[in-house]
Amino acid sequence: MSEDIKEAVSRKASTATFLQTLSAVLWSFFGVRKGKNHSEDMQRLNPVHVIVVGLLAAAAFVLGLLALVNYVVGSA
């Protein structure tokens, strides 16, 4: 039983935090990733978290572009 607990703790310690997931998604939006970081991320990142953060980042990007366009058109 103690082996199961140790494995669960080590698995929990090896999962990525929200900021690490956000960082990986933003770097992928920028298009720059090192091979070493990519392979580490594939082991640690939760696919559901990556999808959620990716959708939120894409929505923020689109809303930012819309706000910029409205600002430029409104000031012209």
PDB file of N, CA and C in Angstrom:
ATOM      1  N   MET A   1       0.825  -1.201   0.000  1.00  0.00           N
ATOM      2  CA  MET A   1       0.000   0.000   0.000  1.00  0.00           C
ATOM      3  C   MET A   1       0.864   1.258   0.000  1.00  0.00           C
ATOM      4  N   SER A   2       1.976   1.255   0.713  1.00  0.00           N
ATOM      5  CA  SER A   2       2.818   2.442   0.761  1.00  0.00           C
ATOM      6  C   SER A   2       3.451   2.735  -0.593  1.00  0.00           C
ATOM      7  N   GLU A   3       3.686   1.716  -1.416  1.00  0.00           N
ATOM      8  CA  GLU A   3       4.224   1.922  -2.758  1.00  0.00           C
ATOM      9  C   GLU A   3       3.224   2.684  -3.623  1.00  0.00           C
ATOM     10  N   ASP A   4       1.942   2.372  -3.466  1.00  0.00           N
ATOM     11  CA  ASP A   4       0.912   3.086  -4.218  1.00  0.00           C
ATOM     12  C   ASP A   4       0.871   4.553  -3.831  1.00  0.00           C
ATOM     13  N   ILE A   5       1.018   4.824  -2.551  1.00  0.00           N
ATOM     14  CA  ILE A   5       1.002   6.208  -2.072  1.00  0.00           C
ATOM     15  C   ILE A   5       2.213   6.961  -2.602  1.00  0.00           C
ATOM     16  N   LYS A   6       3.372   6.322  -2.563  1.00  0.00           N
ATOM     17  CA  LYS A   6       4.587   6.964  -3.072  1.00  0.00           C
ATOM     18  C   LYS A   6       4.466   7.255  -4.563  1.00  0.00           C
ATOM     19  N   GLU A   7       3.878   6.330  -5.306  1.00  0.00           N
ATOM     20  CA  GLU A   7       3.705   6.530  -6.743  1.00  0.00           C
ATOM     21  C   GLU A   7       2.740   7.672  -7.012  1.00  0.00           C
ATOM     22  N   ALA A   8       1.666   7.744  -6.250  1.00  0.00           N
ATOM     23  CA  ALA A   8       0.683   8.819  -6.428  1.00  0.00           C
ATOM     24  C   ALA A   8       1.294  10.173  -6.103  1.00  0.00           C
ATOM     25  N   VAL A   9       2.101  10.233  -5.051  1.00  0.00           N
ATOM     26  CA  VAL A   9       2.747  11.492  -4.674  1.00  0.00           C
ATOM     27  C   VAL A   9       3.743  11.913  -5.740  1.00  0.00           C
ATOM     28  N   SER A  10       4.534  10.965  -6.253  1.00  0.00           N
ATOM     29  CA  SER A  10       5.511  11.315  -7.279  1.00  0.00           C
ATOM     30  C   SER A  10       4.818  11.727  -8.567  1.00  0.00           C
ATOM     31  N   ARG A  11       3.700  11.106  -8.910  1.00  0.00           N
ATOM     32  CA  ARG A  11       2.941  11.482 -10.098  1.00  0.00           C
ATOM     33  C   ARG A  11       2.366  12.876  -9.929  1.00  0.00           C
ATOM     34  N   LYS A  12       1.850  13.189  -8.735  1.00  0.00           N
ATOM     35  CA  LYS A  12       1.297  14.515  -8.475  1.00  0.00           C
ATOM     36  C   LYS A  12       2.392  15.568  -8.525  1.00  0.00           C
ATOM     37  N   ALA A  13       3.566  15.251  -8.002  1.00  0.00           N
ATOM     38  CA  ALA A  13       4.671  16.202  -8.019  1.00  0.00           C
ATOM     39  C   ALA A  13       5.178  16.445  -9.433  1.00  0.00           C
ATOM     40  N   SER A  14       5.014  15.473 -10.322  1.00  0.00           N
ATOM     41  CA  SER A  14       5.539  15.625 -11.667  1.00  0.00           C
ATOM     42  C   SER A  14       4.545  16.287 -12.627  1.00  0.00           C
ATOM     43  N   THR A  15       3.308  16.535 -12.199  1.00  0.00           N
ATOM     44  CA  THR A  15       2.353  17.202 -13.074  1.00  0.00           C
ATOM     45  C   THR A  15       2.642  18.697 -13.102  1.00  0.00           C
ATOM     46  N   ALA A  16       2.300  19.314 -14.204  1.00  0.00           N
ATOM     47  CA  ALA A  16       2.600  20.726 -14.407  1.00  0.00           C
ATOM     48  C   ALA A  16       1.581  21.610 -13.686  1.00  0.00           C
ATOM     49  N   THR A  17       2.034  22.777 -13.272  1.00  0.00           N
ATOM     50  CA  THR A  17       1.156  23.759 -12.659  1.00  0.00           C
ATOM     51  C   THR A  17       0.434  24.543 -13.757  1.00  0.00           C
ATOM     52  N   PHE A  18      -0.497  25.386 -13.349  1.00  0.00           N
ATOM     53  CA  PHE A  18      -1.234  26.205 -14.309  1.00  0.00           C
ATOM     54  C   PHE A  18      -0.294  27.134 -15.056  1.00  0.00           C
ATOM     55  N   LEU A  19       0.659  27.742 -14.364  1.00  0.00           N
ATOM     56  CA  LEU A  19       1.577  28.668 -15.022  1.00  0.00           C
ATOM     57  C   LEU A  19       2.489  27.942 -16.004  1.00  0.00           C
ATOM     58  N   GLN A  20       2.885  26.724 -15.695  1.00  0.00           N
ATOM     59  CA  GLN A  20       3.700  25.948 -16.631  1.00  0.00           C
ATOM     60  C   GLN A  20       2.890  25.583 -17.870  1.00  0.00           C
ATOM     61  N   THR A  21       1.622  25.250 -17.674  1.00  0.00           N
ATOM     62  CA  THR A  21       0.752  24.947 -18.813  1.00  0.00           C
ATOM     63  C   THR A  21       0.536  26.195 -19.658  1.00  0.00           C
ATOM     64  N   LEU A  22       0.297  27.321 -19.014  1.00  0.00           N
ATOM     65  CA  LEU A  22       0.117  28.583 -19.728  1.00  0.00           C
ATOM     66  C   LEU A  22       1.374  28.943 -20.509  1.00  0.00           C
ATOM     67  N   SER A  23       2.513  28.761 -19.898  1.00  0.00           N
ATOM     68  CA  SER A  23       3.778  29.053 -20.566  1.00  0.00           C
ATOM     69  C   SER A  23       3.962  28.188 -21.800  1.00  0.00           C
ATOM     70  N   ALA A  24       3.673  26.910 -21.692  1.00  0.00           N
ATOM     71  CA  ALA A  24       3.810  26.004 -22.837  1.00  0.00           C
ATOM     72  C   ALA A  24       2.864  26.401 -23.967  1.00  0.00           C
ATOM     73  N   VAL A  25       1.640  26.783 -23.630  1.00  0.00           N
ATOM     74  CA  VAL A  25       0.667  27.164 -24.653  1.00  0.00           C
ATOM     75  C   VAL A  25       1.074  28.477 -25.322  1.00  0.00           C
ATOM     76  N   LEU A  26       1.527  29.447 -24.538  1.00  0.00           N
ATOM     77  CA  LEU A  26       1.926  30.728 -25.124  1.00  0.00           C
ATOM     78  C   LEU A  26       3.154  30.580 -26.010  1.00  0.00           C
ATOM     79  N   TRP A  27       4.113  29.751 -25.592  1.00  0.00           N
ATOM     80  CA  TRP A  27       5.280  29.513 -26.444  1.00  0.00           C
ATOM     81  C   TRP A  27       4.860  28.819 -27.731  1.00  0.00           C
ATOM     82  N   SER A  28       3.875  27.951 -27.662  1.00  0.00           N
ATOM     83  CA  SER A  28       3.419  27.283 -28.880  1.00  0.00           C
ATOM     84  C   SER A  28       2.679  28.257 -29.791  1.00  0.00           C
ATOM     85  N   PHE A  29       1.983  29.239 -29.233  1.00  0.00           N
ATOM     86  CA  PHE A  29       1.348  30.274 -30.052  1.00  0.00           C
ATOM     87  C   PHE A  29       2.424  31.077 -30.774  1.00  0.00           C
ATOM     88  N   PHE A  30       3.515  31.347 -30.082  1.00  0.00           N
ATOM     89  CA  PHE A  30       4.624  32.108 -30.655  1.00  0.00           C
ATOM     90  C   PHE A  30       5.385  31.271 -31.681  1.00  0.00           C
ATOM     91  N   GLY A  31       5.347  29.965 -31.528  1.00  0.00           N
ATOM     92  CA  GLY A  31       5.966  29.066 -32.493  1.00  0.00           C
ATOM     93  C   GLY A  31       7.399  28.708 -32.196  1.00  0.00           C
ATOM     94  N   VAL A  32       7.829  28.921 -30.952  1.00  0.00           N
ATOM     95  CA  VAL A  32       9.215  28.631 -30.592  1.00  0.00           C
ATOM     96  C   VAL A  32       9.223  27.674 -29.406  1.00  0.00           C
ATOM     97  N   ARG A  33       9.729  26.467 -29.626  1.00  0.00           N
ATOM     98  CA  ARG A  33       9.859  25.479 -28.553  1.00  0.00           C
ATOM     99  C   ARG A  33      11.138  24.694 -28.774  1.00  0.00           C
ATOM    100  N   LYS A  34      11.866  24.452 -27.719  1.00  0.00           N
ATOM    101  CA  LYS A  34      13.034  23.578 -27.804  1.00  0.00           C
ATOM    102  C   LYS A  34      12.562  22.131 -27.719  1.00  0.00           C
ATOM    103  N   GLY A  35      13.285  21.246 -28.371  1.00  0.00           N
ATOM    104  CA  GLY A  35      12.916  19.835 -28.378  1.00  0.00           C
ATOM    105  C   GLY A  35      12.888  19.233 -26.990  1.00  0.00           C
ATOM    106  N   LYS A  36      13.849  19.636 -26.149  1.00  0.00           N
ATOM    107  CA  LYS A  36      13.912  19.122 -24.775  1.00  0.00           C
ATOM    108  C   LYS A  36      12.679  19.555 -23.993  1.00  0.00           C
ATOM    109  N   ASN A  37      12.321  20.817 -24.093  1.00  0.00           N
ATOM    110  CA  ASN A  37      11.142  21.321 -23.379  1.00  0.00           C
ATOM    111  C   ASN A  37       9.869  20.669 -23.886  1.00  0.00           C
ATOM    112  N   HIS A  38       9.803  20.446 -25.187  1.00  0.00           N
ATOM    113  CA  HIS A  38       8.616  19.810 -25.763  1.00  0.00           C
ATOM    114  C   HIS A  38       8.435  18.402 -25.210  1.00  0.00           C
ATOM    115  N   SER A  39       9.499  17.634 -25.158  1.00  0.00           N
ATOM    116  CA  SER A  39       9.379  16.259 -24.655  1.00  0.00           C
ATOM    117  C   SER A  39       9.051  16.232 -23.166  1.00  0.00           C
ATOM    118  N   GLU A  40       9.584  17.179 -22.401  1.00  0.00           N
ATOM    119  CA  GLU A  40       9.240  17.268 -20.977  1.00  0.00           C
ATOM    120  C   GLU A  40       7.768  17.634 -20.808  1.00  0.00           C
ATOM    121  N   ASP A  41       7.280  18.556 -21.629  1.00  0.00           N
ATOM    122  CA  ASP A  41       5.887  18.976 -21.541  1.00  0.00           C
ATOM    123  C   ASP A  41       4.937  17.836 -21.879  1.00  0.00           C
ATOM    124  N   MET A  42       5.306  17.017 -22.844  1.00  0.00           N
ATOM    125  CA  MET A  42       4.449  15.894 -23.228  1.00  0.00           C
ATOM    126  C   MET A  42       4.278  14.905 -22.084  1.00  0.00           C
ATOM    127  N   GLN A  43       5.247  14.819 -21.217  1.00  0.00           N
ATOM    128  CA  GLN A  43       5.155  13.907 -20.082  1.00  0.00           C
ATOM    129  C   GLN A  43       4.392  14.520 -18.918  1.00  0.00           C
ATOM    130  N   ARG A  44       4.466  15.834 -18.758  1.00  0.00           N
ATOM    131  CA  ARG A  44       3.915  16.470 -17.563  1.00  0.00           C
ATOM    132  C   ARG A  44       2.560  17.131 -17.762  1.00  0.00           C
ATOM    133  N   LEU A  45       2.271  17.627 -18.957  1.00  0.00           N
ATOM    134  CA  LEU A  45       1.049  18.393 -19.155  1.00  0.00           C
ATOM    135  C   LEU A  45      -0.167  17.494 -19.308  1.00  0.00           C
ATOM    136  N   ASN A  46      -1.263  17.960 -18.743  1.00  0.00           N
ATOM    137  CA  ASN A  46      -2.545  17.275 -18.867  1.00  0.00           C
ATOM    138  C   ASN A  46      -3.213  17.791 -20.147  1.00  0.00           C
ATOM    139  N   PRO A  47      -3.584  16.919 -21.070  1.00  0.00           N
ATOM    140  CA  PRO A  47      -4.171  17.372 -22.337  1.00  0.00           C
ATOM    141  C   PRO A  47      -5.429  18.225 -22.159  1.00  0.00           C
ATOM    142  N   VAL A  48      -6.234  17.911 -21.170  1.00  0.00           N
ATOM    143  CA  VAL A  48      -7.451  18.705 -20.938  1.00  0.00           C
ATOM    144  C   VAL A  48      -7.073  20.126 -20.533  1.00  0.00           C
ATOM    145  N   HIS A  49      -6.073  20.273 -19.686  1.00  0.00           N
ATOM    146  CA  HIS A  49      -5.637  21.603 -19.268  1.00  0.00           C
ATOM    147  C   HIS A  49      -5.070  22.382 -20.446  1.00  0.00           C
ATOM    148  N   VAL A  50      -4.334  21.708 -21.306  1.00  0.00           N
ATOM    149  CA  VAL A  50      -3.763  22.372 -22.478  1.00  0.00           C
ATOM    150  C   VAL A  50      -4.872  22.873 -23.400  1.00  0.00           C
ATOM    151  N   ILE A  51      -5.899  22.082 -23.596  1.00  0.00           N
ATOM    152  CA  ILE A  51      -7.013  22.486 -24.460  1.00  0.00           C
ATOM    153  C   ILE A  51      -7.741  23.684 -23.868  1.00  0.00           C
ATOM    154  N   VAL A  52      -8.019  23.637 -22.570  1.00  0.00           N
ATOM    155  CA  VAL A  52      -8.738  24.739 -21.913  1.00  0.00           C
ATOM    156  C   VAL A  52      -7.913  26.018 -21.970  1.00  0.00           C
ATOM    157  N   VAL A  53      -6.634  25.932 -21.626  1.00  0.00           N
ATOM    158  CA  VAL A  53      -5.774  27.117 -21.652  1.00  0.00           C
ATOM    159  C   VAL A  53      -5.617  27.621 -23.085  1.00  0.00           C
ATOM    160  N   GLY A  54      -5.519  26.712 -24.046  1.00  0.00           N
ATOM    161  CA  GLY A  54      -5.414  27.126 -25.444  1.00  0.00           C
ATOM    162  C   GLY A  54      -6.644  27.866 -25.924  1.00  0.00           C
ATOM    163  N   LEU A  55      -7.813  27.380 -25.569  1.00  0.00           N
ATOM    164  CA  LEU A  55      -9.051  28.063 -25.950  1.00  0.00           C
ATOM    165  C   LEU A  55      -9.164  29.437 -25.286  1.00  0.00           C
ATOM    166  N   LEU A  56      -8.787  29.508 -24.015  1.00  0.00           N
ATOM    167  CA  LEU A  56      -8.824  30.801 -23.318  1.00  0.00           C
ATOM    168  C   LEU A  56      -7.821  31.785 -23.911  1.00  0.00           C
ATOM    169  N   ALA A  57      -6.633  31.309 -24.245  1.00  0.00           N
ATOM    170  CA  ALA A  57      -5.620  32.179 -24.838  1.00  0.00           C
ATOM    171  C   ALA A  57      -6.058  32.642 -26.223  1.00  0.00           C
ATOM    172  N   ALA A  58      -6.658  31.760 -27.005  1.00  0.00           N
ATOM    173  CA  ALA A  58      -7.144  32.145 -28.334  1.00  0.00           C
ATOM    174  C   ALA A  58      -8.262  33.179 -28.216  1.00  0.00           C
ATOM    175  N   ALA A  59      -9.166  32.985 -27.259  1.00  0.00           N
ATOM    176  CA  ALA A  59     -10.253  33.949 -27.050  1.00  0.00           C
ATOM    177  C   ALA A  59      -9.692  35.302 -26.619  1.00  0.00           C
ATOM    178  N   ALA A  60      -8.706  35.302 -25.729  1.00  0.00           N
ATOM    179  CA  ALA A  60      -8.086  36.558 -25.291  1.00  0.00           C
ATOM    180  C   ALA A  60      -7.389  37.251 -26.458  1.00  0.00           C
ATOM    181  N   PHE A  61      -6.746  36.481 -27.328  1.00  0.00           N
ATOM    182  CA  PHE A  61      -6.079  37.043 -28.496  1.00  0.00           C
ATOM    183  C   PHE A  61      -7.086  37.699 -29.433  1.00  0.00           C
ATOM    184  N   VAL A  62      -8.177  37.012 -29.719  1.00  0.00           N
ATOM    185  CA  VAL A  62      -9.204  37.552 -30.612  1.00  0.00           C
ATOM    186  C   VAL A  62      -9.847  38.794 -29.998  1.00  0.00           C
ATOM    187  N   LEU A  63     -10.163  38.741 -28.711  1.00  0.00           N
ATOM    188  CA  LEU A  63     -10.758  39.913 -28.053  1.00  0.00           C
ATOM    189  C   LEU A  63      -9.780  41.092 -28.035  1.00  0.00           C
ATOM    190  N   GLY A  64      -8.507  40.816 -27.851  1.00  0.00           N
ATOM    191  CA  GLY A  64      -7.500  41.874 -27.906  1.00  0.00           C
ATOM    192  C   GLY A  64      -7.411  42.508 -29.279  1.00  0.00           C
ATOM    193  N   LEU A  65      -7.467  41.681 -30.319  1.00  0.00           N
ATOM    194  CA  LEU A  65      -7.465  42.225 -31.683  1.00  0.00           C
ATOM    195  C   LEU A  65      -8.708  43.053 -31.953  1.00  0.00           C
ATOM    196  N   LEU A  66      -9.863  42.583 -31.507  1.00  0.00           N
ATOM    197  CA  LEU A  66     -11.101  43.352 -31.688  1.00  0.00           C
ATOM    198  C   LEU A  66     -11.038  44.695 -30.960  1.00  0.00           C
ATOM    199  N   ALA A  67     -10.499  44.691 -29.756  1.00  0.00           N
ATOM    200  CA  ALA A  67     -10.365  45.942 -29.004  1.00  0.00           C
ATOM    201  C   ALA A  67      -9.403  46.893 -29.703  1.00  0.00           C
ATOM    202  N   LEU A  68      -8.317  46.373 -30.239  1.00  0.00           N
ATOM    203  CA  LEU A  68      -7.360  47.211 -30.963  1.00  0.00           C
ATOM    204  C   LEU A  68      -7.989  47.807 -32.218  1.00  0.00           C
ATOM    205  N   VAL A  69      -8.712  47.018 -32.968  1.00  0.00           N
ATOM    206  CA  VAL A  69      -9.382  47.506 -34.179  1.00  0.00           C
ATOM    207  C   VAL A  69     -10.419  48.560 -33.828  1.00  0.00           C
ATOM    208  N   ASN A  70     -11.213  48.314 -32.797  1.00  0.00           N
ATOM    209  CA  ASN A  70     -12.215  49.314 -32.393  1.00  0.00           C
ATOM    210  C   ASN A  70     -11.560  50.605 -31.946  1.00  0.00           C
ATOM    211  N   TYR A  71     -10.428  50.509 -31.270  1.00  0.00           N
ATOM    212  CA  TYR A  71      -9.717  51.700 -30.833  1.00  0.00           C
ATOM    213  C   TYR A  71      -9.189  52.496 -32.031  1.00  0.00           C
ATOM    214  N   VAL A  72      -8.583  51.784 -32.992  1.00  0.00           N
ATOM    215  CA  VAL A  72      -8.004  52.454 -34.167  1.00  0.00           C
ATOM    216  C   VAL A  72      -9.110  53.048 -35.026  1.00  0.00           C
ATOM    217  N   VAL A  73     -10.186  52.326 -35.242  1.00  0.00           N
ATOM    218  CA  VAL A  73     -11.277  52.844 -36.070  1.00  0.00           C
ATOM    219  C   VAL A  73     -11.982  53.998 -35.361  1.00  0.00           C
ATOM    220  N   GLY A  74     -12.119  53.904 -34.055  1.00  0.00           N
ATOM    221  CA  GLY A  74     -12.803  54.959 -33.309  1.00  0.00           C
ATOM    222  C   GLY A  74     -12.001  56.246 -33.243  1.00  0.00           C
ATOM    223  N   SER A  75     -10.686  56.160 -33.283  1.00  0.00           N
ATOM    224  CA  SER A  75      -9.856  57.351 -33.178  1.00  0.00           C
ATOM    225  C   SER A  75      -9.578  57.998 -34.544  1.00  0.00           C
ATOM    226  N   ALA A  76      -9.995  57.322 -35.612  1.00  0.00           N
ATOM    227  CA  ALA A  76      -9.729  57.853 -36.967  1.00  0.00           C
ATOM    228  C   ALA A  76     -10.775  58.854 -37.394  1.00  0.00           C
TER     229      ALA A  76
END
